[in-house]
Amino acid sequence: MTSDGAQPDLAGGTQPDGEQHLAAWRAAYALEQWYFLARGYGDQVTPFALEQDGRGFICVFTTPQAASDFGVASGLDEAEAGRLLAIPPGDATEYLLEFVADGVHAVALDPGTQDEAVLLAALPHVRQLVQDQD
């Protein structure tokens, strides 16, 4: 917890309260697609991931532009930053869970702008929570 009572999140930002956090994920689940920077080629494509404190997290973006901008800011060239995966949120939740076994710890929503993170294993619960509130 920071001095102002905010919770630090995995992506490096702070979380002032749970309602703001939940609102960001509610908006994300209302989208038709989530976007991921694509790494690899052919059938070996995986979403772009980063590491913080020895724990991996996958970057999830709400727009193609946010994904590309983050990719360039992270050192990818424009062509690499333009290679995206677009997956509906429900399918993305199931897809992302496959990476828990690989040691991925969390997902970060729009890192660098929203910086909302959630433990990967908790993502299905977040999905259910936002669906129950709709």
C-alpha atoms as a PDB file:
ATOM      1  CA  MET A   1       0.000   0.000   0.000  1.00  0.00           C
ATOM      2  CA  THR A   2       1.261   3.471  -0.813  1.00  0.00           C
ATOM      3  CA  SER A   3       1.183   6.437   1.565  1.00  0.00           C
ATOM      4  CA  ASP A   4      -2.138   7.629   0.137  1.00  0.00           C
ATOM      5  CA  GLY A   5      -3.779   4.241   0.660  1.00  0.00           C
ATOM      6  CA  ALA A   6      -3.610   3.170  -2.983  1.00  0.00           C
ATOM      7  CA  GLN A   7      -2.668  -0.374  -3.882  1.00  0.00           C
ATOM      8  CA  PRO A   8       0.377  -0.734  -6.142  1.00  0.00           C
ATOM      9  CA  ASP A   9      -0.323  -2.914  -9.134  1.00  0.00           C
ATOM     10  CA  LEU A  10       1.913  -5.279 -11.082  1.00  0.00           C
ATOM     11  CA  ALA A  11       2.243  -2.912 -14.035  1.00  0.00           C
ATOM     12  CA  GLY A  12       3.810  -0.207 -11.901  1.00  0.00           C
ATOM     13  CA  GLY A  13       0.869   2.126 -11.329  1.00  0.00           C
ATOM     14  CA  THR A  14      -1.326   2.552  -8.302  1.00  0.00           C
ATOM     15  CA  GLN A  15      -4.884   1.515  -7.695  1.00  0.00           C
ATOM     16  CA  PRO A  16      -6.884   4.106  -5.729  1.00  0.00           C
ATOM     17  CA  ASP A  17      -9.883   1.870  -5.132  1.00  0.00           C
ATOM     18  CA  GLY A  18     -11.473  -1.384  -6.146  1.00  0.00           C
ATOM     19  CA  GLU A  19     -14.385   0.271  -7.924  1.00  0.00           C
ATOM     20  CA  GLN A  20     -12.128   2.058 -10.428  1.00  0.00           C
ATOM     21  CA  HIS A  21     -10.293  -1.208 -11.012  1.00  0.00           C
ATOM     22  CA  LEU A  22     -13.534  -3.108 -11.538  1.00  0.00           C
ATOM     23  CA  ALA A  23     -14.897  -0.367 -13.826  1.00  0.00           C
ATOM     24  CA  ALA A  24     -11.842  -0.677 -16.096  1.00  0.00           C
ATOM     25  CA  TRP A  25     -12.282  -4.439 -16.401  1.00  0.00           C
ATOM     26  CA  ARG A  26     -16.053  -4.055 -16.876  1.00  0.00           C
ATOM     27  CA  ALA A  27     -15.387  -1.717 -19.810  1.00  0.00           C
ATOM     28  CA  ALA A  28     -12.779  -4.124 -21.189  1.00  0.00           C
ATOM     29  CA  TYR A  29     -15.193  -7.067 -21.076  1.00  0.00           C
ATOM     30  CA  ALA A  30     -17.792  -4.967 -22.922  1.00  0.00           C
ATOM     31  CA  LEU A  31     -15.459  -4.658 -25.938  1.00  0.00           C
ATOM     32  CA  GLU A  32     -15.763  -6.852 -29.015  1.00  0.00           C
ATOM     33  CA  GLN A  33     -12.016  -7.580 -29.092  1.00  0.00           C
ATOM     34  CA  TRP A  34      -8.957  -7.436 -26.898  1.00  0.00           C
ATOM     35  CA  TYR A  35      -5.660  -6.803 -28.648  1.00  0.00           C
ATOM     36  CA  PHE A  36      -2.268  -8.306 -27.979  1.00  0.00           C
ATOM     37  CA  LEU A  37       1.113  -7.625 -29.518  1.00  0.00           C
ATOM     38  CA  ALA A  38       1.915 -10.835 -31.393  1.00  0.00           C
ATOM     39  CA  ARG A  39       5.312 -12.402 -30.785  1.00  0.00           C
ATOM     40  CA  GLY A  40       6.634 -15.337 -32.784  1.00  0.00           C
ATOM     41  CA  TYR A  41       5.534 -16.763 -36.117  1.00  0.00           C
ATOM     42  CA  GLY A  42       3.219 -19.372 -37.573  1.00  0.00           C
ATOM     43  CA  ASP A  43       1.663 -21.619 -34.960  1.00  0.00           C
ATOM     44  CA  GLN A  44       4.144 -20.344 -32.363  1.00  0.00           C
ATOM     45  CA  VAL A  45       2.538 -16.896 -31.919  1.00  0.00           C
ATOM     46  CA  THR A  46       2.132 -15.792 -28.319  1.00  0.00           C
ATOM     47  CA  PRO A  47       1.082 -12.499 -26.736  1.00  0.00           C
ATOM     48  CA  PHE A  48       3.715  -9.964 -25.711  1.00  0.00           C
ATOM     49  CA  ALA A  49       4.716 -10.402 -22.090  1.00  0.00           C
ATOM     50  CA  LEU A  50       6.954  -8.518 -19.695  1.00  0.00           C
ATOM     51  CA  GLU A  51       8.579  -9.381 -16.412  1.00  0.00           C
ATOM     52  CA  GLN A  52       8.491  -7.483 -13.152  1.00  0.00           C
ATOM     53  CA  ASP A  53      10.043  -8.730  -9.933  1.00  0.00           C
ATOM     54  CA  GLY A  54      10.660 -12.104 -11.556  1.00  0.00           C
ATOM     55  CA  ARG A  55       7.003 -12.595 -12.490  1.00  0.00           C
ATOM     56  CA  GLY A  56       5.660 -12.543 -16.006  1.00  0.00           C
ATOM     57  CA  PHE A  57       2.609 -10.635 -17.097  1.00  0.00           C
ATOM     58  CA  ILE A  58       0.826 -10.413 -20.422  1.00  0.00           C
ATOM     59  CA  CYS A  59      -0.164  -7.057 -21.853  1.00  0.00           C
ATOM     60  CA  VAL A  60      -3.824  -6.707 -22.913  1.00  0.00           C
ATOM     61  CA  PHE A  61      -4.925  -3.680 -24.925  1.00  0.00           C
ATOM     62  CA  THR A  62      -8.339  -2.172 -25.567  1.00  0.00           C
ATOM     63  CA  THR A  63      -7.440  -0.714 -28.974  1.00  0.00           C
ATOM     64  CA  PRO A  64      -5.015  -1.608 -31.761  1.00  0.00           C
ATOM     65  CA  GLN A  65      -3.456   1.866 -31.428  1.00  0.00           C
ATOM     66  CA  ALA A  66      -2.764   1.403 -27.712  1.00  0.00           C
ATOM     67  CA  ALA A  67      -1.074  -1.917 -28.476  1.00  0.00           C
ATOM     68  CA  SER A  68       1.062  -0.493 -31.270  1.00  0.00           C
ATOM     69  CA  ASP A  69       2.035   2.589 -29.272  1.00  0.00           C
ATOM     70  CA  PHE A  70       3.088   0.464 -26.320  1.00  0.00           C
ATOM     71  CA  GLY A  71       5.042  -1.863 -28.596  1.00  0.00           C
ATOM     72  CA  VAL A  72       7.024   1.009 -30.095  1.00  0.00           C
ATOM     73  CA  ALA A  73       7.581   2.542 -26.650  1.00  0.00           C
ATOM     74  CA  SER A  74       8.875  -0.856 -25.488  1.00  0.00           C
ATOM     75  CA  GLY A  75      11.487  -0.971 -28.245  1.00  0.00           C
ATOM     76  CA  LEU A  76       9.720  -2.917 -30.980  1.00  0.00           C
ATOM     77  CA  ASP A  77      10.027  -1.538 -34.479  1.00  0.00           C
ATOM     78  CA  GLU A  78       6.820  -0.321 -36.117  1.00  0.00           C
ATOM     79  CA  ALA A  79       6.357  -3.511 -38.154  1.00  0.00           C
ATOM     80  CA  GLU A  80       6.641  -5.685 -35.036  1.00  0.00           C
ATOM     81  CA  ALA A  81       4.398  -3.343 -33.060  1.00  0.00           C
ATOM     82  CA  GLY A  82       1.796  -3.606 -35.815  1.00  0.00           C
ATOM     83  CA  ARG A  83       1.498  -7.412 -35.594  1.00  0.00           C
ATOM     84  CA  LEU A  84      -1.529  -7.936 -33.379  1.00  0.00           C
ATOM     85  CA  LEU A  85      -3.760 -10.701 -32.137  1.00  0.00           C
ATOM     86  CA  ALA A  86      -7.433  -9.730 -31.806  1.00  0.00           C
ATOM     87  CA  ILE A  87      -9.467 -12.041 -29.590  1.00  0.00           C
ATOM     88  CA  PRO A  88     -12.957 -11.613 -28.095  1.00  0.00           C
ATOM     89  CA  PRO A  89     -12.691 -11.100 -24.315  1.00  0.00           C
ATOM     90  CA  GLY A  90     -14.417 -14.354 -23.333  1.00  0.00           C
ATOM     91  CA  ASP A  91     -12.159 -16.389 -25.598  1.00  0.00           C
ATOM     92  CA  ALA A  92      -9.152 -14.341 -24.501  1.00  0.00           C
ATOM     93  CA  THR A  93      -9.806 -15.237 -20.870  1.00  0.00           C
ATOM     94  CA  GLU A  94      -9.635 -18.950 -21.663  1.00  0.00           C
ATOM     95  CA  TYR A  95      -6.630 -18.461 -23.963  1.00  0.00           C
ATOM     96  CA  LEU A  96      -4.714 -16.505 -21.335  1.00  0.00           C
ATOM     97  CA  LEU A  97      -5.253 -19.166 -18.689  1.00  0.00           C
ATOM     98  CA  GLU A  98      -3.070 -21.484 -20.780  1.00  0.00           C
ATOM     99  CA  PHE A  99      -0.089 -19.317 -19.811  1.00  0.00           C
ATOM    100  CA  VAL A 100      -0.410 -19.918 -16.055  1.00  0.00           C
ATOM    101  CA  ALA A 101       1.487 -23.196 -16.506  1.00  0.00           C
ATOM    102  CA  ASP A 102       4.281 -21.219 -18.201  1.00  0.00           C
ATOM    103  CA  GLY A 103       4.710 -19.045 -15.128  1.00  0.00           C
ATOM    104  CA  VAL A 104       2.731 -16.016 -16.258  1.00  0.00           C
ATOM    105  CA  HIS A 105       1.466 -14.365 -13.116  1.00  0.00           C
ATOM    106  CA  ALA A 106      -0.867 -11.572 -14.255  1.00  0.00           C
ATOM    107  CA  VAL A 107      -2.390  -9.565 -17.071  1.00  0.00           C
ATOM    108  CA  ALA A 108      -2.042  -5.790 -17.383  1.00  0.00           C
ATOM    109  CA  LEU A 109      -4.804  -3.834 -19.115  1.00  0.00           C
ATOM    110  CA  ASP A 110      -3.484  -1.020 -21.295  1.00  0.00           C
ATOM    111  CA  PRO A 111      -0.091  -0.801 -19.579  1.00  0.00           C
ATOM    112  CA  GLY A 112       1.329   2.686 -19.746  1.00  0.00           C
ATOM    113  CA  THR A 113      -2.128   4.286 -19.683  1.00  0.00           C
ATOM    114  CA  GLN A 114      -4.686   2.472 -17.499  1.00  0.00           C
ATOM    115  CA  ASP A 115      -2.195   0.158 -15.795  1.00  0.00           C
ATOM    116  CA  GLU A 116      -4.931  -2.078 -14.408  1.00  0.00           C
ATOM    117  CA  ALA A 117      -3.552  -5.499 -13.507  1.00  0.00           C
ATOM    118  CA  VAL A 118      -5.140  -8.663 -12.200  1.00  0.00           C
ATOM    119  CA  LEU A 119      -3.707 -12.036 -11.301  1.00  0.00           C
ATOM    120  CA  LEU A 120      -4.101 -14.307 -14.285  1.00  0.00           C
ATOM    121  CA  ALA A 121      -5.661 -17.074 -12.215  1.00  0.00           C
ATOM    122  CA  ALA A 122      -8.291 -14.558 -11.006  1.00  0.00           C
ATOM    123  CA  LEU A 123      -9.283 -13.381 -14.490  1.00  0.00           C
ATOM    124  CA  PRO A 124     -12.243 -15.814 -14.833  1.00  0.00           C
ATOM    125  CA  HIS A 125     -13.555 -14.545 -11.484  1.00  0.00           C
ATOM    126  CA  VAL A 126     -13.237 -10.940 -12.662  1.00  0.00           C
ATOM    127  CA  ARG A 127     -15.141 -11.868 -15.824  1.00  0.00           C
ATOM    128  CA  GLN A 128     -17.904 -13.486 -13.774  1.00  0.00           C
ATOM    129  CA  LEU A 129     -18.065 -10.538 -11.394  1.00  0.00           C
ATOM    130  CA  VAL A 130     -18.486  -7.961 -14.161  1.00  0.00           C
ATOM    131  CA  GLN A 131     -21.026 -10.155 -15.963  1.00  0.00           C
ATOM    132  CA  ASP A 132     -23.039 -10.577 -12.750  1.00  0.00           C
ATOM    133  CA  GLN A 133     -23.178  -6.787 -12.327  1.00  0.00           C
ATOM    134  CA  ASP A 134     -24.464  -6.169 -15.854  1.00  0.00           C
END
